[in-house]
């Protein structure tokens, strides 16, 4: 049986150990995210997705249809899965730009007109291109971001059609 002094020493040892572990963990996390913008959890929590068909293959597209979600895009995120993408939806056709701010992986980007036809393509857009912006010469209503290399694998070209229905938006 331990006496009171031994119990206090043991408790003090445990507290010091926990403090060291917590401090070290906080330092590791701090160094990992140093230089990155904080993640806005409201964007993460309110993700909207829709199914899409691209050249006969089913995709799940995250929809960015608000100014805040369009600005955030795929920043500070893990790479896209093979059948995942992000669809930027604008209220009307226009010349909309894309940048690679806080991106960690390359993507293929396709601008679509009101009829969901591809009107402009940038393959393998690199995170190192930031602060450069990329814009279609023709007015676009949608911008689709998919995994780098997927555009060629799917054989998407100018004039290709993307199938999706925005009336099925889900959170």
N, C-alpha and C. Protein backbone atom coordinates (compact mmCIF):
# COMPACT_ATOMS: atom_id res chain seq x y z
N UNK A 1 0.83 -1.18 0.00
CA UNK A 1 0.00 0.00 0.00
C UNK A 1 0.89 1.25 0.00
N UNK A 2 0.48 2.24 -0.86
CA UNK A 2 1.28 3.45 -1.01
C UNK A 2 0.87 4.48 0.04
N UNK A 3 1.86 5.21 0.54
CA UNK A 3 1.52 6.26 1.49
C UNK A 3 1.16 7.54 0.73
N UNK A 4 0.76 8.55 1.47
CA UNK A 4 0.27 9.79 0.85
C UNK A 4 1.35 10.48 0.01
N UNK A 5 2.56 10.46 0.45
CA UNK A 5 3.65 11.10 -0.30
C UNK A 5 3.87 10.39 -1.63
N UNK A 6 3.85 9.08 -1.64
CA UNK A 6 4.02 8.31 -2.88
C UNK A 6 2.87 8.59 -3.85
N UNK A 7 1.66 8.68 -3.34
CA UNK A 7 0.49 8.97 -4.18
C UNK A 7 0.64 10.35 -4.80
N UNK A 8 1.07 11.33 -3.99
CA UNK A 8 1.25 12.70 -4.49
C UNK A 8 2.37 12.76 -5.55
N UNK A 9 3.45 12.07 -5.32
CA UNK A 9 4.55 12.04 -6.28
C UNK A 9 4.09 11.39 -7.59
N UNK A 10 3.36 10.30 -7.47
CA UNK A 10 2.84 9.62 -8.66
C UNK A 10 1.87 10.53 -9.42
N UNK A 11 0.98 11.20 -8.69
CA UNK A 11 0.01 12.11 -9.32
C UNK A 11 0.75 13.26 -10.01
N UNK A 12 1.78 13.80 -9.36
CA UNK A 12 2.57 14.87 -9.95
C UNK A 12 3.28 14.39 -11.21
N UNK A 13 3.84 13.19 -11.16
CA UNK A 13 4.50 12.60 -12.33
C UNK A 13 3.52 12.47 -13.49
N UNK A 14 2.31 11.97 -13.23
CA UNK A 14 1.29 11.79 -14.27
C UNK A 14 0.90 13.15 -14.86
N UNK A 15 0.71 14.16 -14.02
CA UNK A 15 0.36 15.49 -14.51
C UNK A 15 1.46 16.08 -15.39
N UNK A 16 2.71 15.94 -14.97
CA UNK A 16 3.83 16.44 -15.77
C UNK A 16 3.90 15.70 -17.10
N UNK A 17 3.71 14.39 -17.07
CA UNK A 17 3.73 13.59 -18.30
C UNK A 17 2.63 14.05 -19.26
N UNK A 18 1.41 14.24 -18.74
CA UNK A 18 0.30 14.69 -19.59
C UNK A 18 0.57 16.08 -20.16
N UNK A 19 1.14 16.96 -19.34
CA UNK A 19 1.46 18.30 -19.82
C UNK A 19 2.46 18.24 -20.96
N UNK A 20 3.47 17.40 -20.83
CA UNK A 20 4.48 17.26 -21.89
C UNK A 20 3.84 16.72 -23.16
N UNK A 21 3.00 15.71 -23.02
CA UNK A 21 2.33 15.12 -24.20
C UNK A 21 1.45 16.16 -24.88
N UNK A 22 0.65 16.90 -24.11
CA UNK A 22 -0.24 17.92 -24.70
C UNK A 22 0.56 19.04 -25.35
N UNK A 23 1.62 19.49 -24.70
CA UNK A 23 2.45 20.55 -25.26
C UNK A 23 3.09 20.10 -26.57
N UNK A 24 3.63 18.89 -26.58
CA UNK A 24 4.27 18.36 -27.79
C UNK A 24 3.26 18.23 -28.92
N UNK A 25 2.07 17.72 -28.61
CA UNK A 25 1.03 17.57 -29.62
C UNK A 25 0.62 18.92 -30.19
N UNK A 26 0.48 19.91 -29.32
CA UNK A 26 0.10 21.25 -29.78
C UNK A 26 1.18 21.84 -30.68
N UNK A 27 2.44 21.62 -30.35
CA UNK A 27 3.55 22.12 -31.17
C UNK A 27 3.55 21.45 -32.55
N UNK A 28 3.33 20.15 -32.58
CA UNK A 28 3.30 19.42 -33.85
C UNK A 28 2.17 19.95 -34.72
N UNK A 29 1.00 20.11 -34.16
CA UNK A 29 -0.15 20.62 -34.92
C UNK A 29 0.14 22.04 -35.39
N UNK A 30 0.70 22.86 -34.52
CA UNK A 30 1.02 24.24 -34.88
C UNK A 30 2.00 24.29 -36.05
N UNK A 31 3.03 23.47 -36.02
CA UNK A 31 4.01 23.45 -37.10
C UNK A 31 3.40 22.90 -38.38
N UNK A 32 2.48 21.96 -38.27
CA UNK A 32 1.86 21.36 -39.45
C UNK A 32 1.01 22.37 -40.20
N UNK A 33 0.27 23.21 -39.49
CA UNK A 33 -0.63 24.15 -40.14
C UNK A 33 -0.04 25.55 -40.29
N UNK A 34 1.23 25.71 -39.90
CA UNK A 34 1.87 27.02 -39.99
C UNK A 34 1.83 27.52 -41.44
N UNK A 35 1.40 28.73 -41.62
CA UNK A 35 1.35 29.32 -42.95
C UNK A 35 0.08 29.00 -43.72
N UNK A 36 -0.78 28.18 -43.16
CA UNK A 36 -2.05 27.87 -43.83
C UNK A 36 -3.18 28.65 -43.18
N UNK A 37 -4.18 28.96 -43.99
CA UNK A 37 -5.34 29.65 -43.43
C UNK A 37 -6.13 28.68 -42.57
N UNK A 38 -6.79 29.19 -41.53
CA UNK A 38 -7.61 28.29 -40.71
C UNK A 38 -8.78 27.76 -41.53
N UNK A 39 -9.20 26.55 -41.23
CA UNK A 39 -10.31 25.93 -41.94
C UNK A 39 -11.61 26.51 -41.42
N UNK A 40 -12.47 26.94 -42.31
CA UNK A 40 -13.78 27.46 -41.95
C UNK A 40 -14.73 26.28 -41.90
N UNK A 41 -15.07 25.82 -40.70
CA UNK A 41 -15.89 24.61 -40.55
C UNK A 41 -17.30 24.79 -41.07
N UNK A 42 -17.80 26.03 -41.20
CA UNK A 42 -19.14 26.20 -41.73
C UNK A 42 -19.20 25.73 -43.18
N UNK A 43 -18.10 25.89 -43.92
CA UNK A 43 -18.07 25.41 -45.30
C UNK A 43 -18.06 23.88 -45.31
N UNK A 44 -17.27 23.28 -44.41
CA UNK A 44 -17.19 21.83 -44.35
C UNK A 44 -18.53 21.23 -43.96
N UNK A 45 -19.17 21.79 -42.97
CA UNK A 45 -20.42 21.23 -42.46
C UNK A 45 -21.55 21.37 -43.49
N UNK A 46 -21.54 22.42 -44.29
CA UNK A 46 -22.65 22.67 -45.19
C UNK A 46 -22.38 22.22 -46.62
N UNK A 47 -21.51 21.26 -46.83
CA UNK A 47 -21.21 20.79 -48.18
C UNK A 47 -22.47 20.24 -48.84
N UNK A 48 -22.67 20.68 -50.08
CA UNK A 48 -23.78 20.18 -50.89
C UNK A 48 -23.18 19.30 -51.97
N UNK A 49 -23.83 18.18 -52.26
CA UNK A 49 -23.32 17.29 -53.30
C UNK A 49 -24.44 16.88 -54.24
N UNK A 50 -24.04 16.58 -55.48
CA UNK A 50 -24.97 16.06 -56.47
C UNK A 50 -24.26 14.95 -57.24
N UNK A 51 -25.04 14.00 -57.74
CA UNK A 51 -24.45 13.00 -58.63
C UNK A 51 -24.29 13.61 -60.03
N UNK A 52 -23.34 13.09 -60.77
CA UNK A 52 -23.13 13.53 -62.15
C UNK A 52 -22.66 12.34 -62.96
N UNK A 53 -22.86 12.44 -64.27
CA UNK A 53 -22.35 11.42 -65.19
C UNK A 53 -21.43 12.13 -66.17
N UNK A 54 -20.19 11.67 -66.19
CA UNK A 54 -19.18 12.25 -67.07
C UNK A 54 -18.65 11.13 -67.96
N UNK A 55 -18.98 11.22 -69.24
CA UNK A 55 -18.58 10.20 -70.21
C UNK A 55 -18.92 8.78 -69.72
N UNK A 56 -20.12 8.64 -69.20
CA UNK A 56 -20.62 7.33 -68.77
C UNK A 56 -20.16 6.90 -67.39
N UNK A 57 -19.32 7.68 -66.74
CA UNK A 57 -18.83 7.33 -65.40
C UNK A 57 -19.53 8.19 -64.35
N UNK A 58 -19.97 7.55 -63.26
CA UNK A 58 -20.66 8.28 -62.21
C UNK A 58 -19.67 9.02 -61.32
N UNK A 59 -20.01 10.26 -61.00
CA UNK A 59 -19.20 11.11 -60.13
C UNK A 59 -20.08 11.67 -59.01
N UNK A 60 -19.45 12.07 -57.93
CA UNK A 60 -20.11 12.83 -56.88
C UNK A 60 -19.44 14.19 -56.85
N UNK A 61 -20.23 15.22 -57.12
CA UNK A 61 -19.69 16.57 -57.20
C UNK A 61 -20.11 17.38 -55.99
N UNK A 62 -19.14 17.99 -55.34
CA UNK A 62 -19.45 18.95 -54.29
C UNK A 62 -19.78 20.26 -54.99
N UNK A 63 -20.85 20.90 -54.55
CA UNK A 63 -21.32 22.12 -55.20
C UNK A 63 -20.87 23.36 -54.43
N UNK A 64 -20.23 24.28 -55.13
CA UNK A 64 -19.85 25.57 -54.57
C UNK A 64 -20.73 26.61 -55.25
N UNK A 65 -21.79 27.03 -54.56
CA UNK A 65 -22.76 27.93 -55.18
C UNK A 65 -22.99 29.22 -54.40
N UNK A 66 -22.12 29.50 -53.44
CA UNK A 66 -22.17 30.77 -52.70
C UNK A 66 -20.82 31.46 -52.87
N UNK A 67 -20.79 32.77 -52.70
CA UNK A 67 -19.49 33.45 -52.83
C UNK A 67 -18.41 32.85 -51.91
N UNK A 68 -18.78 32.54 -50.69
CA UNK A 68 -17.81 32.00 -49.74
C UNK A 68 -17.33 30.60 -50.15
N UNK A 69 -18.24 29.73 -50.56
CA UNK A 69 -17.83 28.37 -50.95
C UNK A 69 -17.04 28.39 -52.27
N UNK A 70 -17.38 29.31 -53.17
CA UNK A 70 -16.62 29.42 -54.42
C UNK A 70 -15.22 29.95 -54.15
N UNK A 71 -15.08 30.90 -53.23
CA UNK A 71 -13.75 31.43 -52.90
C UNK A 71 -12.90 30.34 -52.24
N UNK A 72 -13.48 29.56 -51.37
CA UNK A 72 -12.74 28.50 -50.66
C UNK A 72 -12.38 27.38 -51.63
N UNK A 73 -13.33 26.96 -52.46
CA UNK A 73 -13.07 25.89 -53.42
C UNK A 73 -12.48 24.66 -52.76
N UNK A 74 -11.41 24.15 -53.32
CA UNK A 74 -10.74 22.95 -52.78
C UNK A 74 -9.51 23.30 -51.94
N UNK A 75 -9.42 24.56 -51.50
CA UNK A 75 -8.28 24.97 -50.67
C UNK A 75 -8.24 24.18 -49.37
N UNK A 76 -7.02 23.90 -48.93
CA UNK A 76 -6.75 23.24 -47.66
C UNK A 76 -7.55 21.94 -47.57
N UNK A 77 -7.47 21.13 -48.60
CA UNK A 77 -8.22 19.87 -48.66
C UNK A 77 -7.30 18.75 -49.11
N UNK A 78 -7.77 17.54 -48.87
CA UNK A 78 -7.08 16.35 -49.37
C UNK A 78 -7.37 16.24 -50.87
N UNK A 79 -6.52 15.52 -51.63
CA UNK A 79 -6.76 15.34 -53.06
C UNK A 79 -8.13 14.68 -53.34
N UNK A 80 -8.66 14.98 -54.50
CA UNK A 80 -9.94 14.42 -54.91
C UNK A 80 -9.83 12.92 -55.17
N UNK A 81 -10.91 12.20 -54.88
CA UNK A 81 -10.95 10.78 -55.24
C UNK A 81 -11.17 10.67 -56.75
N UNK A 82 -11.03 9.50 -57.29
CA UNK A 82 -11.12 9.29 -58.75
C UNK A 82 -12.48 9.70 -59.31
N UNK A 83 -13.53 9.52 -58.56
CA UNK A 83 -14.88 9.84 -59.03
C UNK A 83 -15.50 11.01 -58.26
N UNK A 84 -14.65 11.94 -57.85
CA UNK A 84 -15.12 13.12 -57.10
C UNK A 84 -14.72 14.37 -57.86
N UNK A 85 -15.43 15.44 -57.58
CA UNK A 85 -15.09 16.72 -58.19
C UNK A 85 -15.78 17.84 -57.45
N UNK A 86 -15.51 19.05 -57.89
CA UNK A 86 -16.19 20.23 -57.35
C UNK A 86 -16.79 20.98 -58.52
N UNK A 87 -18.06 21.33 -58.37
CA UNK A 87 -18.78 22.08 -59.39
C UNK A 87 -19.08 23.47 -58.85
N UNK A 88 -18.52 24.49 -59.52
CA UNK A 88 -18.79 25.87 -59.17
C UNK A 88 -20.01 26.30 -59.98
N UNK A 89 -21.02 26.79 -59.31
CA UNK A 89 -22.26 27.19 -59.96
C UNK A 89 -22.42 28.70 -59.80
N UNK A 90 -22.63 29.38 -60.92
CA UNK A 90 -22.81 30.83 -60.92
C UNK A 90 -24.24 31.16 -61.36
N UNK A 91 -24.74 32.30 -60.91
CA UNK A 91 -26.12 32.69 -61.19
C UNK A 91 -26.38 32.97 -62.67
N UNK A 92 -25.36 33.41 -63.37
CA UNK A 92 -25.51 33.72 -64.80
C UNK A 92 -24.15 33.53 -65.47
N UNK A 93 -24.14 33.35 -66.79
CA UNK A 93 -22.87 33.19 -67.51
C UNK A 93 -21.98 34.42 -67.36
N UNK A 94 -20.69 34.18 -67.25
CA UNK A 94 -19.73 35.27 -67.14
C UNK A 94 -18.32 34.74 -67.30
N UNK A 95 -17.34 35.62 -67.19
CA UNK A 95 -15.94 35.21 -67.27
C UNK A 95 -15.41 35.07 -65.85
N UNK A 96 -15.45 33.86 -65.34
CA UNK A 96 -15.07 33.56 -63.96
C UNK A 96 -13.67 32.95 -63.94
N UNK A 97 -12.90 33.36 -62.93
CA UNK A 97 -11.52 32.92 -62.80
C UNK A 97 -11.35 31.90 -61.68
N UNK A 98 -10.34 31.07 -61.83
CA UNK A 98 -9.96 30.07 -60.83
C UNK A 98 -8.51 30.33 -60.45
N UNK A 99 -8.19 30.12 -59.19
CA UNK A 99 -6.81 30.21 -58.72
C UNK A 99 -6.50 28.99 -57.88
N UNK A 100 -5.27 28.83 -57.50
CA UNK A 100 -4.83 27.65 -56.74
C UNK A 100 -4.37 28.03 -55.33
N UNK A 101 -4.99 29.05 -54.76
CA UNK A 101 -4.62 29.50 -53.42
C UNK A 101 -4.83 28.38 -52.40
N UNK A 102 -3.79 28.09 -51.62
CA UNK A 102 -3.82 27.07 -50.56
C UNK A 102 -4.20 25.69 -51.06
N UNK A 103 -3.89 25.39 -52.32
CA UNK A 103 -4.14 24.06 -52.87
C UNK A 103 -2.91 23.20 -52.66
N UNK A 104 -3.14 21.89 -52.46
CA UNK A 104 -2.04 20.96 -52.20
C UNK A 104 -1.89 19.92 -53.29
N UNK A 105 -2.69 19.98 -54.35
CA UNK A 105 -2.65 18.97 -55.39
C UNK A 105 -3.10 19.59 -56.71
N UNK A 106 -2.62 19.08 -57.84
CA UNK A 106 -3.04 19.60 -59.15
C UNK A 106 -4.44 19.09 -59.51
N UNK A 107 -5.11 19.82 -60.40
CA UNK A 107 -6.45 19.45 -60.85
C UNK A 107 -6.59 19.76 -62.33
N UNK A 108 -7.58 19.12 -62.95
CA UNK A 108 -8.03 19.50 -64.29
C UNK A 108 -9.27 20.38 -64.09
N UNK A 109 -9.35 21.46 -64.85
CA UNK A 109 -10.46 22.41 -64.70
C UNK A 109 -11.15 22.58 -66.04
N UNK A 110 -12.48 22.47 -66.01
CA UNK A 110 -13.29 22.60 -67.22
C UNK A 110 -14.35 23.68 -67.01
N UNK A 111 -14.45 24.62 -67.92
CA UNK A 111 -15.48 25.64 -67.88
C UNK A 111 -16.62 25.14 -68.75
N UNK A 112 -17.86 25.27 -68.26
CA UNK A 112 -19.04 24.79 -68.97
C UNK A 112 -20.00 25.94 -69.24
N UNK A 113 -20.68 25.87 -70.37
CA UNK A 113 -21.67 26.90 -70.68
C UNK A 113 -23.00 26.56 -70.02
N UNK A 114 -24.03 27.33 -70.32
CA UNK A 114 -25.36 27.12 -69.72
C UNK A 114 -25.94 25.75 -70.06
N UNK A 115 -25.52 25.17 -71.17
CA UNK A 115 -26.02 23.86 -71.59
C UNK A 115 -25.16 22.71 -71.07
N UNK A 116 -24.22 23.02 -70.16
CA UNK A 116 -23.34 22.04 -69.52
C UNK A 116 -22.37 21.41 -70.52
N UNK A 117 -22.02 22.17 -71.55
CA UNK A 117 -21.02 21.73 -72.52
C UNK A 117 -19.68 22.39 -72.20
N UNK A 118 -18.60 21.63 -72.36
CA UNK A 118 -17.26 22.12 -72.08
C UNK A 118 -16.88 23.17 -73.12
N UNK A 119 -16.46 24.35 -72.63
CA UNK A 119 -16.06 25.43 -73.53
C UNK A 119 -14.59 25.82 -73.37
N UNK A 120 -13.96 25.38 -72.26
CA UNK A 120 -12.55 25.71 -72.02
C UNK A 120 -11.98 24.68 -71.06
N UNK A 121 -10.69 24.35 -71.24
CA UNK A 121 -10.04 23.32 -70.42
C UNK A 121 -8.64 23.78 -70.02
N UNK A 122 -8.29 23.55 -68.77
CA UNK A 122 -6.90 23.68 -68.33
C UNK A 122 -6.56 22.37 -67.63
N UNK A 123 -5.61 21.65 -68.20
CA UNK A 123 -5.15 20.38 -67.62
C UNK A 123 -4.07 20.61 -66.58
N UNK A 124 -4.07 19.78 -65.56
CA UNK A 124 -2.99 19.72 -64.58
C UNK A 124 -2.62 21.09 -64.01
N UNK A 125 -3.65 21.82 -63.58
CA UNK A 125 -3.42 23.13 -62.96
C UNK A 125 -2.67 22.90 -61.65
N UNK A 126 -1.53 23.50 -61.51
CA UNK A 126 -0.62 23.22 -60.41
C UNK A 126 -0.77 24.21 -59.25
N UNK A 127 -0.63 23.71 -58.01
CA UNK A 127 -0.65 24.62 -56.85
C UNK A 127 0.43 25.70 -56.94
N UNK A 128 1.55 25.37 -57.60
CA UNK A 128 2.64 26.32 -57.74
C UNK A 128 2.30 27.49 -58.66
N UNK A 129 1.18 27.41 -59.37
CA UNK A 129 0.79 28.49 -60.27
C UNK A 129 0.24 29.71 -59.52
N UNK A 130 -0.16 29.54 -58.25
CA UNK A 130 -0.70 30.67 -57.49
C UNK A 130 0.35 31.76 -57.37
N UNK A 131 0.03 33.01 -57.61
CA UNK A 131 -1.26 33.68 -57.63
C UNK A 131 -1.88 33.86 -59.02
N UNK A 132 -1.36 33.19 -60.01
CA UNK A 132 -1.94 33.28 -61.36
C UNK A 132 -3.40 32.85 -61.32
N UNK A 133 -4.23 33.49 -62.15
CA UNK A 133 -5.63 33.10 -62.29
C UNK A 133 -5.85 32.56 -63.69
N UNK A 134 -6.84 31.70 -63.83
CA UNK A 134 -7.17 31.06 -65.10
C UNK A 134 -8.63 31.39 -65.42
N UNK A 135 -8.88 31.81 -66.66
CA UNK A 135 -10.21 32.26 -67.05
C UNK A 135 -10.52 31.77 -68.45
N UNK A 136 -11.78 31.42 -68.68
CA UNK A 136 -12.24 31.06 -70.01
C UNK A 136 -12.43 32.33 -70.84
N UNK A 137 -12.15 32.25 -72.13
CA UNK A 137 -12.39 33.39 -73.00
C UNK A 137 -13.88 33.58 -73.26
N UNK A 138 -14.65 32.49 -73.21
CA UNK A 138 -16.09 32.54 -73.43
C UNK A 138 -16.82 32.54 -72.09
N UNK A 139 -18.01 33.14 -72.04
CA UNK A 139 -18.77 33.14 -70.80
C UNK A 139 -19.12 31.71 -70.36
N UNK A 140 -18.94 31.44 -69.07
CA UNK A 140 -19.25 30.13 -68.50
C UNK A 140 -20.31 30.29 -67.42
N UNK A 141 -21.08 29.25 -67.20
CA UNK A 141 -22.07 29.23 -66.11
C UNK A 141 -21.60 28.32 -64.98
N UNK A 142 -20.74 27.33 -65.33
CA UNK A 142 -20.25 26.35 -64.37
C UNK A 142 -18.75 26.15 -64.59
N UNK A 143 -18.07 25.78 -63.51
CA UNK A 143 -16.67 25.37 -63.60
C UNK A 143 -16.57 24.05 -62.85
N UNK A 144 -15.95 23.06 -63.50
CA UNK A 144 -15.80 21.74 -62.91
C UNK A 144 -14.33 21.46 -62.64
N UNK A 145 -14.02 21.08 -61.40
CA UNK A 145 -12.67 20.68 -61.04
C UNK A 145 -12.67 19.18 -60.74
N UNK A 146 -11.76 18.47 -61.41
CA UNK A 146 -11.64 17.02 -61.22
C UNK A 146 -10.17 16.66 -61.02
N UNK A 147 -9.93 15.43 -60.63
CA UNK A 147 -8.58 14.94 -60.38
C UNK A 147 -7.70 15.17 -61.61
N UNK A 148 -6.47 15.59 -61.38
CA UNK A 148 -5.54 15.82 -62.49
C UNK A 148 -5.36 14.52 -63.28
N UNK A 149 -5.48 14.64 -64.60
CA UNK A 149 -5.36 13.48 -65.48
C UNK A 149 -6.69 12.86 -65.84
N UNK A 150 -7.73 13.15 -65.06
CA UNK A 150 -9.05 12.55 -65.31
C UNK A 150 -9.65 13.05 -66.62
N UNK A 151 -9.40 14.30 -66.97
CA UNK A 151 -9.97 14.85 -68.21
C UNK A 151 -9.49 14.04 -69.42
N UNK A 152 -8.21 13.71 -69.45
CA UNK A 152 -7.67 12.91 -70.57
C UNK A 152 -8.17 11.48 -70.51
N UNK A 153 -8.19 10.90 -69.30
CA UNK A 153 -8.70 9.54 -69.14
C UNK A 153 -10.14 9.42 -69.63
N UNK A 154 -10.94 10.46 -69.36
CA UNK A 154 -12.35 10.46 -69.77
C UNK A 154 -12.53 10.91 -71.22
N UNK A 155 -11.46 11.36 -71.83
CA UNK A 155 -11.47 11.87 -73.20
C UNK A 155 -12.44 13.04 -73.37
N UNK A 156 -12.48 13.90 -72.36
CA UNK A 156 -13.31 15.10 -72.44
C UNK A 156 -12.63 16.13 -73.33
N UNK A 157 -13.40 16.74 -74.21
CA UNK A 157 -12.90 17.75 -75.13
C UNK A 157 -13.87 18.92 -75.15
N UNK A 158 -13.49 19.98 -75.83
CA UNK A 158 -14.41 21.10 -76.04
C UNK A 158 -15.65 20.53 -76.73
N UNK A 159 -16.83 20.85 -76.18
CA UNK A 159 -18.09 20.35 -76.73
C UNK A 159 -18.64 19.14 -75.98
N UNK A 160 -17.81 18.47 -75.17
CA UNK A 160 -18.31 17.34 -74.37
C UNK A 160 -19.38 17.84 -73.41
N UNK A 161 -20.38 17.00 -73.12
CA UNK A 161 -21.45 17.37 -72.20
C UNK A 161 -21.29 16.66 -70.87
N UNK A 162 -21.57 17.38 -69.80
CA UNK A 162 -21.55 16.84 -68.44
C UNK A 162 -23.00 16.76 -67.97
N UNK A 163 -23.39 15.61 -67.41
CA UNK A 163 -24.77 15.43 -66.97
C UNK A 163 -24.87 15.59 -65.46
N UNK A 164 -25.67 16.58 -65.03
CA UNK A 164 -25.98 16.76 -63.61
C UNK A 164 -27.28 17.53 -63.50
N UNK A 165 -27.91 17.40 -62.33
CA UNK A 165 -29.20 18.04 -62.09
C UNK A 165 -29.11 18.78 -60.75
N UNK A 166 -29.13 20.09 -60.80
CA UNK A 166 -29.00 20.89 -59.58
C UNK A 166 -30.25 20.88 -58.72
N UNK A 167 -31.36 20.38 -59.24
CA UNK A 167 -32.58 20.33 -58.42
C UNK A 167 -32.48 19.24 -57.35
N UNK A 168 -31.46 18.37 -57.44
CA UNK A 168 -31.27 17.30 -56.48
C UNK A 168 -30.23 17.62 -55.42
N UNK A 169 -29.98 18.90 -55.17
CA UNK A 169 -28.94 19.26 -54.19
C UNK A 169 -29.25 18.65 -52.84
N UNK A 170 -28.19 18.10 -52.19
CA UNK A 170 -28.33 17.58 -50.83
C UNK A 170 -27.21 18.15 -49.98
N UNK A 171 -27.44 18.23 -48.68
CA UNK A 171 -26.40 18.72 -47.75
C UNK A 171 -25.65 17.58 -47.16
